[in-house]
C-alpha atoms as a PDB file:
ATOM      1  CA  MET A   1      -9.399  23.197 -20.219  1.00  0.00           C
ATOM      2  CA  ALA A   2     -11.509  25.841 -21.822  1.00  0.00           C
ATOM      3  CA  GLY A   3     -14.429  27.126 -19.810  1.00  0.00           C
ATOM      4  CA  GLY A   4     -13.858  25.044 -16.673  1.00  0.00           C
ATOM      5  CA  ALA A   5     -11.565  24.806 -13.707  1.00  0.00           C
ATOM      6  CA  HIS A   6      -8.867  22.189 -13.976  1.00  0.00           C
ATOM      7  CA  ASN A   7      -8.177  20.186 -10.837  1.00  0.00           C
ATOM      8  CA  PRO A   8      -4.890  18.283 -10.864  1.00  0.00           C
ATOM      9  CA  PRO A   9      -5.136  14.533 -10.272  1.00  0.00           C
ATOM     10  CA  LYS A  10      -4.694  13.425  -6.686  1.00  0.00           C
ATOM     11  CA  VAL A  11      -1.744  11.089  -6.624  1.00  0.00           C
ATOM     12  CA  MET A  12      -0.867  11.092  -2.909  1.00  0.00           C
ATOM     13  CA  GLY A  13      -3.033   9.302  -0.371  1.00  0.00           C
ATOM     14  CA  VAL A  14      -3.050   9.505   3.409  1.00  0.00           C
ATOM     15  CA  ALA A  15      -0.366   6.825   3.776  1.00  0.00           C
ATOM     16  CA  ASP A  16       1.855   8.547   1.202  1.00  0.00           C
ATOM     17  CA  LEU A  17       1.489  11.872   2.967  1.00  0.00           C
ATOM     18  CA  ALA A  18       2.204  10.355   6.393  1.00  0.00           C
ATOM     19  CA  LEU A  19       5.345   8.651   5.109  1.00  0.00           C
ATOM     20  CA  PHE A  20       6.438  11.863   3.391  1.00  0.00           C
ATOM     21  CA  TYR A  21       6.208  13.827   6.642  1.00  0.00           C
ATOM     22  CA  ILE A  22       7.969  11.104   8.615  1.00  0.00           C
ATOM     23  CA  VAL A  23      10.825  10.867   6.111  1.00  0.00           C
ATOM     24  CA  THR A  24      11.291  14.640   6.020  1.00  0.00           C
ATOM     25  CA  GLY A  25      11.125  14.934   9.814  1.00  0.00           C
ATOM     26  CA  VAL A  26      13.295  11.946  10.710  1.00  0.00           C
ATOM     27  CA  SER A  27      16.536  12.850   9.013  1.00  0.00           C
ATOM     28  CA  LEU A  28      20.191  12.031   9.559  1.00  0.00           C
ATOM     29  CA  ARG A  29      20.535  15.021  11.876  1.00  0.00           C
ATOM     30  CA  TRP A  30      18.499  13.284  14.597  1.00  0.00           C
ATOM     31  CA  ILE A  31      20.095   9.837  14.466  1.00  0.00           C
ATOM     32  CA  ALA A  32      22.980  10.764  16.778  1.00  0.00           C
ATOM     33  CA  THR A  33      20.627  12.449  19.248  1.00  0.00           C
ATOM     34  CA  ALA A  34      18.320   9.425  19.302  1.00  0.00           C
ATOM     35  CA  ALA A  35      21.301   7.094  19.772  1.00  0.00           C
ATOM     36  CA  ALA A  36      22.545   9.170  22.726  1.00  0.00           C
ATOM     37  CA  MET A  37      19.089   8.980  24.358  1.00  0.00           C
ATOM     38  CA  GLY A  38      18.999   5.213  24.016  1.00  0.00           C
ATOM     39  CA  PRO A  39      15.756   3.221  24.005  1.00  0.00           C
ATOM     40  CA  SER A  40      13.835   6.085  25.632  1.00  0.00           C
ATOM     41  CA  SER A  41      14.023   7.901  22.301  1.00  0.00           C
ATOM     42  CA  ILE A  42      11.394   5.476  20.980  1.00  0.00           C
ATOM     43  CA  VAL A  43       8.885   7.000  23.413  1.00  0.00           C
ATOM     44  CA  VAL A  44       9.763  10.480  22.136  1.00  0.00           C
ATOM     45  CA  TRP A  45       9.377   9.425  18.489  1.00  0.00           C
ATOM     46  CA  LEU A  46       6.028   7.739  19.193  1.00  0.00           C
ATOM     47  CA  GLY A  47       4.877  10.875  21.022  1.00  0.00           C
ATOM     48  CA  ALA A  48       5.885  12.986  18.017  1.00  0.00           C
ATOM     49  CA  LEU A  49       4.068  10.596  15.700  1.00  0.00           C
ATOM     50  CA  LEU A  50       0.836  10.772  17.676  1.00  0.00           C
ATOM     51  CA  GLY A  51       1.050  14.404  18.768  1.00  0.00           C
ATOM     52  CA  PHE A  52       2.421  16.044  15.627  1.00  0.00           C
ATOM     53  CA  TYR A  53       2.629  13.912  12.492  1.00  0.00           C
ATOM     54  CA  PHE A  54      -0.794  12.264  12.675  1.00  0.00           C
ATOM     55  CA  PRO A  55      -2.699  15.538  13.334  1.00  0.00           C
ATOM     56  CA  LEU A  56      -0.654  17.275  10.625  1.00  0.00           C
ATOM     57  CA  VAL A  57      -1.502  14.592   8.077  1.00  0.00           C
ATOM     58  CA  MET A  58      -5.188  14.699   8.987  1.00  0.00           C
ATOM     59  CA  ALA A  59      -5.272  18.516   8.725  1.00  0.00           C
ATOM     60  CA  VAL A  60      -3.578  18.482   5.311  1.00  0.00           C
ATOM     61  CA  VAL A  61      -5.906  15.757   4.030  1.00  0.00           C
ATOM     62  CA  GLU A  62      -8.989  17.666   5.226  1.00  0.00           C
ATOM     63  CA  LEU A  63      -7.847  21.031   3.832  1.00  0.00           C
ATOM     64  CA  SER A  64      -6.808  19.444   0.535  1.00  0.00           C
ATOM     65  CA  SER A  65     -10.211  17.854   0.132  1.00  0.00           C
ATOM     66  CA  ARG A  66     -12.006  21.134   0.937  1.00  0.00           C
ATOM     67  CA  TYR A  67      -9.818  23.275  -1.320  1.00  0.00           C
ATOM     68  CA  PRO A  68      -8.559  21.143  -4.240  1.00  0.00           C
ATOM     69  CA  GLN A  69      -6.844  24.071  -5.999  1.00  0.00           C
ATOM     70  CA  GLU A  70      -3.087  24.160  -6.322  1.00  0.00           C
ATOM     71  CA  GLY A  71      -1.329  26.353  -3.783  1.00  0.00           C
ATOM     72  CA  GLY A  72      -1.636  24.508  -0.479  1.00  0.00           C
ATOM     73  CA  LEU A  73      -0.981  26.754   2.503  1.00  0.00           C
ATOM     74  CA  TYR A  74      -1.523  29.924   0.478  1.00  0.00           C
ATOM     75  CA  VAL A  75      -4.940  28.812  -0.813  1.00  0.00           C
ATOM     76  CA  TRP A  76      -6.110  27.509   2.569  1.00  0.00           C
ATOM     77  CA  THR A  77      -5.162  30.724   4.365  1.00  0.00           C
ATOM     78  CA  ARG A  78      -6.552  32.967   1.623  1.00  0.00           C
ATOM     79  CA  GLN A  79      -9.893  31.167   1.689  1.00  0.00           C
ATOM     80  CA  ALA A  80     -10.158  31.422   5.478  1.00  0.00           C
ATOM     81  CA  PHE A  81      -8.666  34.854   6.219  1.00  0.00           C
ATOM     82  CA  GLY A  82      -8.445  36.799   2.961  1.00  0.00           C
ATOM     83  CA  PRO A  83      -5.842  37.629   0.326  1.00  0.00           C
ATOM     84  CA  PHE A  84      -3.395  39.504   2.557  1.00  0.00           C
ATOM     85  CA  ALA A  85      -3.227  36.688   5.116  1.00  0.00           C
ATOM     86  CA  GLY A  86      -2.793  34.203   2.251  1.00  0.00           C
ATOM     87  CA  PHE A  87       0.059  36.257   0.849  1.00  0.00           C
ATOM     88  CA  MET A  88       1.725  36.506   4.260  1.00  0.00           C
ATOM     89  CA  ALA A  89       1.388  32.753   4.865  1.00  0.00           C
ATOM     90  CA  GLY A  90       2.816  31.893   1.451  1.00  0.00           C
ATOM     91  CA  TRP A  91       5.626  34.426   1.728  1.00  0.00           C
ATOM     92  CA  SER A  92       6.522  33.345   5.276  1.00  0.00           C
ATOM     93  CA  TYR A  93       6.650  29.708   4.203  1.00  0.00           C
ATOM     94  CA  PHE A  94       8.852  30.570   1.222  1.00  0.00           C
ATOM     95  CA  THR A  95      11.265  32.708   3.248  1.00  0.00           C
ATOM     96  CA  SER A  96      11.513  30.105   6.029  1.00  0.00           C
ATOM     97  CA  ASN A  97      12.858  27.650   3.465  1.00  0.00           C
ATOM     98  CA  LEU A  98      15.619  30.004   2.351  1.00  0.00           C
ATOM     99  CA  PRO A  99      17.915  29.226   5.325  1.00  0.00           C
ATOM    100  CA  TYR A 100      16.568  25.688   5.777  1.00  0.00           C
ATOM    101  CA  PHE A 101      17.603  24.090   2.491  1.00  0.00           C
ATOM    102  CA  PRO A 102      21.195  25.370   2.484  1.00  0.00           C
ATOM    103  CA  SER A 103      21.596  24.088   6.058  1.00  0.00           C
ATOM    104  CA  VAL A 104      20.351  20.641   5.017  1.00  0.00           C
ATOM    105  CA  PHE A 105      22.739  20.583   2.056  1.00  0.00           C
ATOM    106  CA  TYR A 106      25.602  21.783   4.255  1.00  0.00           C
ATOM    107  CA  PHE A 107      24.882  19.067   6.819  1.00  0.00           C
ATOM    108  CA  GLY A 108      24.653  16.427   4.101  1.00  0.00           C
ATOM    109  CA  SER A 109      27.957  17.435   2.542  1.00  0.00           C
ATOM    110  CA  ASP A 110      29.671  17.475   5.937  1.00  0.00           C
ATOM    111  CA  SER A 111      28.198  14.120   7.010  1.00  0.00           C
ATOM    112  CA  ASN A 112      29.527  12.364   3.907  1.00  0.00           C
ATOM    113  CA  SER A 113      33.055  13.696   4.146  1.00  0.00           C
ATOM    114  CA  VAL A 114      35.786  11.322   5.253  1.00  0.00           C
ATOM    115  CA  GLN A 115      38.061  12.678   7.938  1.00  0.00           C
ATOM    116  CA  ILE A 116      41.472  11.105   8.285  1.00  0.00           C
END
């Protein structure tokens, strides 16, 4: 748009964001651990839902409504603490994903293999 700031359309609501975080947090890696714990694992998952996922969703919703620009964590940190802190937050987030994604892919490929 010429002469004005373009804000992307908001397509994710609070419920979508909550489900996104739950799906990314509750992965196949934790199924065996939860099964070994038995029914008491339900208490742990409910505690994580109330103590981590719900506050995380509310924080992201609030920050997204205050700062509608694209950039997420980088924009929020830059607005609050300045450009260097924004750069460090964005760079740290990016570099933390470098070992994470290959480990997820490695786990997924190993979990689907058939051992005879």
